[in-house]
PDB file of all heavy atoms in Angstrom:
ATOM      1  N   SER A   1     -37.477  65.658 -71.226  1.00  0.00           N
ATOM      2  CA  SER A   1     -36.321  66.515 -70.965  1.00  0.00           C
ATOM      3  C   SER A   1     -35.450  66.672 -72.210  1.00  0.00           C
ATOM      4  O   SER A   1     -35.075  67.793 -72.581  1.00  0.00           O
ATOM      5  CB  SER A   1     -35.496  65.943 -69.809  1.00  0.00           C
ATOM      6  OG  SER A   1     -34.355  66.737 -69.565  1.00  0.00           O
ATOM      7  N   ALA A   2     -35.134  65.556 -72.869  1.00  0.00           N
ATOM      8  CA  ALA A   2     -34.284  65.608 -74.060  1.00  0.00           C
ATOM      9  C   ALA A   2     -34.971  66.360 -75.193  1.00  0.00           C
ATOM     10  O   ALA A   2     -34.327  67.132 -75.921  1.00  0.00           O
ATOM     11  CB  ALA A   2     -33.921  64.195 -74.501  1.00  0.00           C
ATOM     12  N   LEU A   3     -36.265  66.162 -75.348  1.00  0.00           N
ATOM     13  CA  LEU A   3     -36.981  66.856 -76.411  1.00  0.00           C
ATOM     14  C   LEU A   3     -37.078  68.351 -76.137  1.00  0.00           C
ATOM     15  O   LEU A   3     -36.935  69.169 -77.056  1.00  0.00           O
ATOM     16  CB  LEU A   3     -38.378  66.253 -76.583  1.00  0.00           C
ATOM     17  CG  LEU A   3     -38.440  64.935 -77.346  1.00  0.00           C
ATOM     18  CD1 LEU A   3     -39.841  64.349 -77.301  1.00  0.00           C
ATOM     19  CD2 LEU A   3     -37.999  65.117 -78.799  1.00  0.00           C
ATOM     20  N   GLU A   4     -37.302  68.725 -74.893  1.00  0.00           N
ATOM     21  CA  GLU A   4     -37.364  70.150 -74.569  1.00  0.00           C
ATOM     22  C   GLU A   4     -36.030  70.824 -74.862  1.00  0.00           C
ATOM     23  O   GLU A   4     -36.000  71.979 -75.307  1.00  0.00           O
ATOM     24  CB  GLU A   4     -37.767  70.347 -73.109  1.00  0.00           C
ATOM     25  CG  GLU A   4     -39.240  70.101 -72.827  1.00  0.00           C
ATOM     26  CD  GLU A   4     -40.160  71.102 -73.524  1.00  0.00           C
ATOM     27  OE1 GLU A   4     -39.672  72.151 -73.972  1.00  0.00           O
ATOM     28  OE2 GLU A   4     -41.368  70.818 -73.621  1.00  0.00           O
ATOM     29  N   ASP A   5     -34.925  70.137 -74.628  1.00  0.00           N
ATOM     30  CA  ASP A   5     -33.609  70.687 -74.974  1.00  0.00           C
ATOM     31  C   ASP A   5     -33.504  70.896 -76.478  1.00  0.00           C
ATOM     32  O   ASP A   5     -32.988  71.925 -76.942  1.00  0.00           O
ATOM     33  CB  ASP A   5     -32.496  69.739 -74.504  1.00  0.00           C
ATOM     34  CG  ASP A   5     -32.313  69.750 -72.996  1.00  0.00           C
ATOM     35  OD1 ASP A   5     -32.812  70.681 -72.331  1.00  0.00           O
ATOM     36  OD2 ASP A   5     -31.668  68.810 -72.477  1.00  0.00           O
ATOM     37  N   ALA A   6     -34.001  69.926 -77.244  1.00  0.00           N
ATOM     38  CA  ALA A   6     -33.960  70.041 -78.709  1.00  0.00           C
ATOM     39  C   ALA A   6     -34.859  71.175 -79.189  1.00  0.00           C
ATOM     40  O   ALA A   6     -34.501  71.919 -80.112  1.00  0.00           O
ATOM     41  CB  ALA A   6     -34.387  68.716 -79.345  1.00  0.00           C
ATOM     42  N   PHE A   7     -36.014  71.341 -78.559  1.00  0.00           N
ATOM     43  CA  PHE A   7     -36.914  72.431 -78.930  1.00  0.00           C
ATOM     44  C   PHE A   7     -36.251  73.786 -78.674  1.00  0.00           C
ATOM     45  O   PHE A   7     -36.301  74.689 -79.516  1.00  0.00           O
ATOM     46  CB  PHE A   7     -38.214  72.358 -78.127  1.00  0.00           C
ATOM     47  CG  PHE A   7     -39.035  71.113 -78.350  1.00  0.00           C
ATOM     48  CD1 PHE A   7     -39.942  70.682 -77.388  1.00  0.00           C
ATOM     49  CD2 PHE A   7     -38.901  70.374 -79.522  1.00  0.00           C
ATOM     50  CE1 PHE A   7     -40.702  69.548 -77.591  1.00  0.00           C
ATOM     51  CE2 PHE A   7     -39.651  69.222 -79.728  1.00  0.00           C
ATOM     52  CZ  PHE A   7     -40.560  68.808 -78.753  1.00  0.00           C
ATOM     53  N   ALA A   8     -35.661  73.915 -77.504  1.00  0.00           N
ATOM     54  CA  ALA A   8     -35.019  75.187 -77.144  1.00  0.00           C
ATOM     55  C   ALA A   8     -33.884  75.524 -78.104  1.00  0.00           C
ATOM     56  O   ALA A   8     -33.733  76.679 -78.535  1.00  0.00           O
ATOM     57  CB  ALA A   8     -34.496  75.109 -75.713  1.00  0.00           C
ATOM     58  N   GLU A   9     -33.102  74.517 -78.469  1.00  0.00           N
ATOM     59  CA  GLU A   9     -31.981  74.739 -79.386  1.00  0.00           C
ATOM     60  C   GLU A   9     -32.470  75.180 -80.765  1.00  0.00           C
ATOM     61  O   GLU A   9     -31.826  75.994 -81.442  1.00  0.00           O
ATOM     62  CB  GLU A   9     -31.151  73.464 -79.515  1.00  0.00           C
ATOM     63  CG  GLU A   9     -29.922  73.617 -80.384  1.00  0.00           C
ATOM     64  CD  GLU A   9     -29.062  72.369 -80.421  1.00  0.00           C
ATOM     65  OE1 GLU A   9     -29.327  71.425 -79.643  1.00  0.00           O
ATOM     66  OE2 GLU A   9     -28.113  72.339 -81.234  1.00  0.00           O
ATOM     67  N   ALA A  10     -33.624  74.651 -81.181  1.00  0.00           N
ATOM     68  CA  ALA A  10     -34.168  74.976 -82.499  1.00  0.00           C
ATOM     69  C   ALA A  10     -34.988  76.254 -82.497  1.00  0.00           C
ATOM     70  O   ALA A  10     -35.394  76.736 -83.563  1.00  0.00           O
ATOM     71  CB  ALA A  10     -35.024  73.817 -83.011  1.00  0.00           C
ATOM     72  N   GLY A  11     -35.285  76.800 -81.327  1.00  0.00           N
ATOM     73  CA  GLY A  11     -36.080  78.017 -81.257  1.00  0.00           C
ATOM     74  C   GLY A  11     -37.564  77.794 -81.444  1.00  0.00           C
ATOM     75  O   GLY A  11     -38.281  78.653 -81.962  1.00  0.00           O
ATOM     76  N   VAL A  12     -38.048  76.606 -81.010  1.00  0.00           N
ATOM     77  CA  VAL A  12     -39.476  76.317 -81.092  1.00  0.00           C
ATOM     78  C   VAL A  12     -40.001  76.018 -79.692  1.00  0.00           C
ATOM     79  O   VAL A  12     -39.238  75.672 -78.788  1.00  0.00           O
ATOM     80  CB  VAL A  12     -39.775  75.121 -82.033  1.00  0.00           C
ATOM     81  CG1 VAL A  12     -39.243  75.404 -83.426  1.00  0.00           C
ATOM     82  CG2 VAL A  12     -39.180  73.823 -81.491  1.00  0.00           C
ATOM     83  N   ALA A  13     -41.302  76.173 -79.517  1.00  0.00           N
ATOM     84  CA  ALA A  13     -41.923  75.953 -78.214  1.00  0.00           C
ATOM     85  C   ALA A  13     -43.027  74.907 -78.338  1.00  0.00           C
ATOM     86  O   ALA A  13     -43.794  74.906 -79.306  1.00  0.00           O
ATOM     87  CB  ALA A  13     -42.509  77.252 -77.676  1.00  0.00           C
ATOM     88  N   PHE A  14     -43.112  74.030 -77.348  1.00  0.00           N
ATOM     89  CA  PHE A  14     -44.111  72.960 -77.328  1.00  0.00           C
ATOM     90  C   PHE A  14     -45.306  73.374 -76.499  1.00  0.00           C
ATOM     91  O   PHE A  14     -45.163  73.885 -75.381  1.00  0.00           O
ATOM     92  CB  PHE A  14     -43.486  71.699 -76.731  1.00  0.00           C
ATOM     93  CG  PHE A  14     -44.439  70.522 -76.614  1.00  0.00           C
ATOM     94  CD1 PHE A  14     -44.680  69.716 -77.702  1.00  0.00           C
ATOM     95  CD2 PHE A  14     -45.062  70.229 -75.408  1.00  0.00           C
ATOM     96  CE1 PHE A  14     -45.540  68.626 -77.603  1.00  0.00           C
ATOM     97  CE2 PHE A  14     -45.917  69.145 -75.295  1.00  0.00           C
ATOM     98  CZ  PHE A  14     -46.158  68.336 -76.398  1.00  0.00           C
ATOM     99  N   THR A  15     -46.502  73.147 -77.035  1.00  0.00           N
ATOM    100  CA  THR A  15     -47.743  73.386 -76.308  1.00  0.00           C
ATOM    101  C   THR A  15     -48.475  72.058 -76.153  1.00  0.00           C
ATOM    102  O   THR A  15     -48.802  71.408 -77.154  1.00  0.00           O
ATOM    103  CB  THR A  15     -48.654  74.379 -77.057  1.00  0.00           C
ATOM    104  OG1 THR A  15     -47.968  75.624 -77.206  1.00  0.00           O
ATOM    105  CG2 THR A  15     -49.947  74.609 -76.279  1.00  0.00           C
ATOM    106  N   GLU A  16     -48.707  71.657 -74.920  1.00  0.00           N
ATOM    107  CA  GLU A  16     -49.393  70.387 -74.676  1.00  0.00           C
ATOM    108  C   GLU A  16     -50.889  70.548 -74.881  1.00  0.00           C
ATOM    109  O   GLU A  16     -51.485  71.537 -74.447  1.00  0.00           O
ATOM    110  CB  GLU A  16     -49.105  69.918 -73.253  1.00  0.00           C
ATOM    111  CG  GLU A  16     -49.731  68.573 -72.899  1.00  0.00           C
ATOM    112  CD  GLU A  16     -49.315  68.106 -71.519  1.00  0.00           C
ATOM    113  OE1 GLU A  16     -48.094  67.883 -71.310  1.00  0.00           O
ATOM    114  OE2 GLU A  16     -50.202  67.981 -70.649  1.00  0.00           O
ATOM    115  N   VAL A  17     -51.491  69.557 -75.533  1.00  0.00           N
ATOM    116  CA  VAL A  17     -52.929  69.571 -75.786  1.00  0.00           C
ATOM    117  C   VAL A  17     -53.641  68.483 -74.988  1.00  0.00           C
ATOM    118  O   VAL A  17     -54.736  68.697 -74.479  1.00  0.00           O
ATOM    119  CB  VAL A  17     -53.226  69.415 -77.288  1.00  0.00           C
ATOM    120  CG1 VAL A  17     -54.730  69.364 -77.538  1.00  0.00           C
ATOM    121  CG2 VAL A  17     -52.596  70.547 -78.080  1.00  0.00           C
ATOM    122  N   ALA A  18     -53.034  67.304 -74.870  1.00  0.00           N
ATOM    123  CA  ALA A  18     -53.682  66.203 -74.179  1.00  0.00           C
ATOM    124  C   ALA A  18     -52.645  65.236 -73.632  1.00  0.00           C
ATOM    125  O   ALA A  18     -51.524  65.158 -74.143  1.00  0.00           O
ATOM    126  CB  ALA A  18     -54.637  65.463 -75.111  1.00  0.00           C
ATOM    127  N   VAL A  19     -53.024  64.523 -72.596  1.00  0.00           N
ATOM    128  CA  VAL A  19     -52.177  63.474 -72.013  1.00  0.00           C
ATOM    129  C   VAL A  19     -52.894  62.151 -72.175  1.00  0.00           C
ATOM    130  O   VAL A  19     -54.101  62.037 -71.913  1.00  0.00           O
ATOM    131  CB  VAL A  19     -51.892  63.739 -70.526  1.00  0.00           C
ATOM    132  CG1 VAL A  19     -51.031  62.622 -69.939  1.00  0.00           C
ATOM    133  CG2 VAL A  19     -51.197  65.085 -70.347  1.00  0.00           C
ATOM    134  N   SER A  20     -52.161  61.152 -72.630  1.00  0.00           N
ATOM    135  CA  SER A  20     -52.745  59.854 -72.935  1.00  0.00           C
ATOM    136  C   SER A  20     -51.903  58.746 -72.325  1.00  0.00           C
ATOM    137  O   SER A  20     -50.691  58.891 -72.160  1.00  0.00           O
ATOM    138  CB  SER A  20     -52.828  59.686 -74.460  1.00  0.00           C
ATOM    139  OG  SER A  20     -53.033  58.362 -74.842  1.00  0.00           O
ATOM    140  N   ALA A  21     -52.535  57.633 -72.000  1.00  0.00           N
ATOM    141  CA  ALA A  21     -51.820  56.451 -71.535  1.00  0.00           C
ATOM    142  C   ALA A  21     -51.459  55.585 -72.734  1.00  0.00           C
ATOM    143  O   ALA A  21     -52.253  55.439 -73.666  1.00  0.00           O
ATOM    144  CB  ALA A  21     -52.693  55.662 -70.560  1.00  0.00           C
ATOM    145  N   PRO A  22     -50.272  55.000 -72.761  1.00  0.00           N
ATOM    146  CA  PRO A  22     -49.879  54.152 -73.894  1.00  0.00           C
ATOM    147  C   PRO A  22     -50.789  52.936 -74.043  1.00  0.00           C
ATOM    148  O   PRO A  22     -51.234  52.350 -73.056  1.00  0.00           O
ATOM    149  CB  PRO A  22     -48.457  53.722 -73.533  1.00  0.00           C
ATOM    150  CG  PRO A  22     -47.968  54.738 -72.570  1.00  0.00           C
ATOM    151  CD  PRO A  22     -49.173  55.152 -71.791  1.00  0.00           C
ATOM    152  N   MET A  23     -51.041  52.600 -75.288  1.00  0.00           N
ATOM    153  CA  MET A  23     -51.846  51.430 -75.627  1.00  0.00           C
ATOM    154  C   MET A  23     -51.046  50.542 -76.570  1.00  0.00           C
ATOM    155  O   MET A  23     -50.175  51.010 -77.302  1.00  0.00           O
ATOM    156  CB  MET A  23     -53.146  51.856 -76.315  1.00  0.00           C
ATOM    157  CG  MET A  23     -53.973  52.871 -75.553  1.00  0.00           C
ATOM    158  SD  MET A  23     -54.892  52.161 -74.183  1.00  0.00           S
ATOM    159  CE  MET A  23     -56.258  51.405 -75.087  1.00  0.00           C
ATOM    160  N   VAL A  24     -51.354  49.265 -76.558  1.00  0.00           N
ATOM    161  CA  VAL A  24     -50.780  48.322 -77.517  1.00  0.00           C
ATOM    162  C   VAL A  24     -51.757  48.174 -78.671  1.00  0.00           C
ATOM    163  O   VAL A  24     -52.943  47.910 -78.452  1.00  0.00           O
ATOM    164  CB  VAL A  24     -50.534  46.945 -76.869  1.00  0.00           C
ATOM    165  CG1 VAL A  24     -49.979  45.962 -77.904  1.00  0.00           C
ATOM    166  CG2 VAL A  24     -49.583  47.069 -75.691  1.00  0.00           C
ATOM    167  N   ALA A  25     -51.298  48.389 -79.888  1.00  0.00           N
ATOM    168  CA  ALA A  25     -52.135  48.212 -81.070  1.00  0.00           C
ATOM    169  C   ALA A  25     -51.832  46.863 -81.698  1.00  0.00           C
ATOM    170  O   ALA A  25     -50.684  46.569 -82.044  1.00  0.00           O
ATOM    171  CB  ALA A  25     -51.889  49.327 -82.081  1.00  0.00           C
ATOM    172  N   LEU A  26     -52.869  46.041 -81.831  1.00  0.00           N
ATOM    173  CA  LEU A  26     -52.756  44.674 -82.336  1.00  0.00           C
ATOM    174  C   LEU A  26     -53.774  44.443 -83.452  1.00  0.00           C
ATOM    175  O   LEU A  26     -54.828  45.084 -83.478  1.00  0.00           O
ATOM    176  CB  LEU A  26     -53.070  43.667 -81.223  1.00  0.00           C
ATOM    177  CG  LEU A  26     -52.255  43.678 -79.935  1.00  0.00           C
ATOM    178  CD1 LEU A  26     -52.980  42.841 -78.886  1.00  0.00           C
ATOM    179  CD2 LEU A  26     -50.879  43.115 -80.192  1.00  0.00           C
ATOM    180  N   PRO A  27     -53.521  43.463 -84.328  1.00  0.00           N
ATOM    181  CA  PRO A  27     -54.564  43.071 -85.274  1.00  0.00           C
ATOM    182  C   PRO A  27     -55.663  42.309 -84.545  1.00  0.00           C
ATOM    183  O   PRO A  27     -55.415  41.687 -83.503  1.00  0.00           O
ATOM    184  CB  PRO A  27     -53.820  42.182 -86.271  1.00  0.00           C
ATOM    185  CG  PRO A  27     -52.652  41.661 -85.521  1.00  0.00           C
ATOM    186  CD  PRO A  27     -52.255  42.737 -84.548  1.00  0.00           C
ATOM    187  N   SER A  28     -56.846  42.334 -85.085  1.00  0.00           N
ATOM    188  CA  SER A  28     -57.969  41.669 -84.429  1.00  0.00           C
ATOM    189  C   SER A  28     -57.789  40.158 -84.358  1.00  0.00           C
ATOM    190  O   SER A  28     -58.463  39.485 -83.574  1.00  0.00           O
ATOM    191  CB  SER A  28     -59.270  42.007 -85.154  1.00  0.00           C
ATOM    192  OG  SER A  28     -59.184  41.649 -86.529  1.00  0.00           O
ATOM    193  N   SER A  29     -56.867  39.616 -85.152  1.00  0.00           N
ATOM    194  CA  SER A  29     -56.603  38.172 -85.148  1.00  0.00           C
ATOM    195  C   SER A  29     -55.496  37.766 -84.177  1.00  0.00           C
ATOM    196  O   SER A  29     -55.167  36.580 -84.061  1.00  0.00           O
ATOM    197  CB  SER A  29     -56.204  37.724 -86.555  1.00  0.00           C
ATOM    198  OG  SER A  29     -55.031  38.416 -86.977  1.00  0.00           O
ATOM    199  N   HIS A  30     -54.922  38.723 -83.466  1.00  0.00           N
ATOM    200  CA  HIS A  30     -53.776  38.434 -82.599  1.00  0.00           C
ATOM    201  C   HIS A  30     -54.195  37.565 -81.408  1.00  0.00           C
ATOM    202  O   HIS A  30     -55.277  37.746 -80.844  1.00  0.00           O
ATOM    203  CB  HIS A  30     -53.168  39.748 -82.091  1.00  0.00           C
ATOM    204  CG  HIS A  30     -51.797  39.613 -81.565  1.00  0.00           C
ATOM    205  ND1 HIS A  30     -51.515  39.097 -80.314  1.00  0.00           N
ATOM    206  CD2 HIS A  30     -50.592  39.920 -82.113  1.00  0.00           C
ATOM    207  CE1 HIS A  30     -50.216  39.108 -80.121  1.00  0.00           C
ATOM    208  NE2 HIS A  30     -49.626  39.596 -81.199  1.00  0.00           N
ATOM    209  N   PRO A  31     -53.348  36.602 -80.996  1.00  0.00           N
ATOM    210  CA  PRO A  31     -53.684  35.722 -79.866  1.00  0.00           C
ATOM    211  C   PRO A  31     -53.949  36.462 -78.558  1.00  0.00           C
ATOM    212  O   PRO A  31     -54.664  35.943 -77.692  1.00  0.00           O
ATOM    213  CB  PRO A  31     -52.444  34.822 -79.742  1.00  0.00           C
ATOM    214  CG  PRO A  31     -51.845  34.821 -81.097  1.00  0.00           C
ATOM    215  CD  PRO A  31     -52.089  36.177 -81.668  1.00  0.00           C
ATOM    216  N   LEU A  32     -53.393  37.668 -78.402  1.00  0.00           N
ATOM    217  CA  LEU A  32     -53.560  38.412 -77.152  1.00  0.00           C
ATOM    218  C   LEU A  32     -54.644  39.483 -77.234  1.00  0.00           C
ATOM    219  O   LEU A  32     -54.776  40.304 -76.323  1.00  0.00           O
ATOM    220  CB  LEU A  32     -52.230  39.059 -76.757  1.00  0.00           C
ATOM    221  CG  LEU A  32     -51.049  38.103 -76.523  1.00  0.00           C
ATOM    222  CD1 LEU A  32     -49.774  38.885 -76.236  1.00  0.00           C
ATOM    223  CD2 LEU A  32     -51.349  37.139 -75.389  1.00  0.00           C
ATOM    224  N   VAL A  33     -55.424  39.457 -78.283  1.00  0.00           N
ATOM    225  CA  VAL A  33     -56.342  40.561 -78.538  1.00  0.00           C
ATOM    226  C   VAL A  33     -57.446  40.685 -77.488  1.00  0.00           C
ATOM    227  O   VAL A  33     -58.026  41.767 -77.313  1.00  0.00           O
ATOM    228  CB  VAL A  33     -56.959  40.421 -79.954  1.00  0.00           C
ATOM    229  CG1 VAL A  33     -57.994  39.302 -79.980  1.00  0.00           C
ATOM    230  CG2 VAL A  33     -57.549  41.739 -80.430  1.00  0.00           C
ATOM    231  N   ASN A  34     -57.732  39.633 -76.761  1.00  0.00           N
ATOM    232  CA  ASN A  34     -58.806  39.686 -75.762  1.00  0.00           C
ATOM    233  C   ASN A  34     -58.313  39.992 -74.348  1.00  0.00           C
ATOM    234  O   ASN A  34     -59.105  39.956 -73.403  1.00  0.00           O
ATOM    235  CB  ASN A  34     -59.579  38.363 -75.757  1.00  0.00           C
ATOM    236  CG  ASN A  34     -60.355  38.154 -77.051  1.00  0.00           C
ATOM    237  OD1 ASN A  34     -60.961  39.084 -77.576  1.00  0.00           O
ATOM    238  ND2 ASN A  34     -60.312  36.940 -77.576  1.00  0.00           N
ATOM    239  N   ALA A  35     -57.033  40.308 -74.216  1.00  0.00           N
ATOM    240  CA  ALA A  35     -56.484  40.612 -72.899  1.00  0.00           C
ATOM    241  C   ALA A  35     -57.043  41.934 -72.382  1.00  0.00           C
ATOM    242  O   ALA A  35     -57.298  42.861 -73.153  1.00  0.00           O
ATOM    243  CB  ALA A  35     -54.966  40.691 -72.963  1.00  0.00           C
ATOM    244  N   ALA A  36     -57.242  42.017 -71.068  1.00  0.00           N
ATOM    245  CA  ALA A  36     -57.726  43.261 -70.458  1.00  0.00           C
ATOM    246  C   ALA A  36     -56.625  44.310 -70.436  1.00  0.00           C
ATOM    247  O   ALA A  36     -56.884  45.516 -70.542  1.00  0.00           O
ATOM    248  CB  ALA A  36     -58.231  42.997 -69.054  1.00  0.00           C
ATOM    249  N   SER A  37     -55.384  43.870 -70.297  1.00  0.00           N
ATOM    250  CA  SER A  37     -54.204  44.730 -70.346  1.00  0.00           C
ATOM    251  C   SER A  37     -53.016  43.850 -70.697  1.00  0.00           C
ATOM    252  O   SER A  37     -53.093  42.619 -70.612  1.00  0.00           O
ATOM    253  CB  SER A  37     -53.972  45.445 -69.013  1.00  0.00           C
ATOM    254  OG  SER A  37     -53.708  44.503 -67.984  1.00  0.00           O
ATOM    255  N   LEU A  38     -51.911  44.481 -71.086  1.00  0.00           N
ATOM    256  CA  LEU A  38     -50.737  43.723 -71.510  1.00  0.00           C
ATOM    257  C   LEU A  38     -49.468  44.328 -70.937  1.00  0.00           C
ATOM    258  O   LEU A  38     -49.404  45.533 -70.663  1.00  0.00           O
ATOM    259  CB  LEU A  38     -50.631  43.714 -73.041  1.00  0.00           C
ATOM    260  CG  LEU A  38     -51.665  42.874 -73.803  1.00  0.00           C
ATOM    261  CD1 LEU A  38     -51.613  43.201 -75.291  1.00  0.00           C
ATOM    262  CD2 LEU A  38     -51.417  41.392 -73.574  1.00  0.00           C
ATOM    263  N   THR A  39     -48.458  43.488 -70.774  1.00  0.00           N
ATOM    264  CA  THR A  39     -47.120  43.937 -70.416  1.00  0.00           C
ATOM    265  C   THR A  39     -46.209  43.701 -71.611  1.00  0.00           C
ATOM    266  O   THR A  39     -46.517  42.877 -72.494  1.00  0.00           O
ATOM    267  CB  THR A  39     -46.573  43.163 -69.206  1.00  0.00           C
ATOM    268  OG1 THR A  39     -46.385  41.780 -69.581  1.00  0.00           O
ATOM    269  CG2 THR A  39     -47.527  43.253 -68.017  1.00  0.00           C
ATOM    270  N   LEU A  40     -45.075  44.384 -71.641  1.00  0.00           N
ATOM    271  CA  LEU A  40     -44.130  44.153 -72.728  1.00  0.00           C
ATOM    272  C   LEU A  40     -43.563  42.743 -72.677  1.00  0.00           C
ATOM    273  O   LEU A  40     -43.206  42.173 -73.713  1.00  0.00           O
ATOM    274  CB  LEU A  40     -43.006  45.187 -72.660  1.00  0.00           C
ATOM    275  CG  LEU A  40     -43.397  46.625 -73.001  1.00  0.00           C
ATOM    276  CD1 LEU A  40     -42.174  47.527 -72.982  1.00  0.00           C
ATOM    277  CD2 LEU A  40     -44.099  46.706 -74.353  1.00  0.00           C
ATOM    278  N   GLU A  41     -43.503  42.168 -71.490  1.00  0.00           N
ATOM    279  CA  GLU A  41     -43.020  40.790 -71.363  1.00  0.00           C
ATOM    280  C   GLU A  41     -43.945  39.821 -72.099  1.00  0.00           C
ATOM    281  O   GLU A  41     -43.490  38.857 -72.731  1.00  0.00           O
ATOM    282  CB  GLU A  41     -42.914  40.399 -69.889  1.00  0.00           C
ATOM    283  CG  GLU A  41     -41.781  41.054 -69.121  1.00  0.00           C
ATOM    284  CD  GLU A  41     -42.026  42.528 -68.830  1.00  0.00           C
ATOM    285  OE1 GLU A  41     -43.213  42.949 -68.821  1.00  0.00           O
ATOM    286  OE2 GLU A  41     -41.041  43.267 -68.616  1.00  0.00           O
TER     287      GLU A  41
END
């Protein structure tokens, strides 16, 4: 919502190409690297 307001004010239009689920990016040495999923906690 906030970004669409900024786009409209600037006179630009957004075109969606893809929808993705957020992922956590970790180094391969990280203690949690083998988790099936993670929470921010």
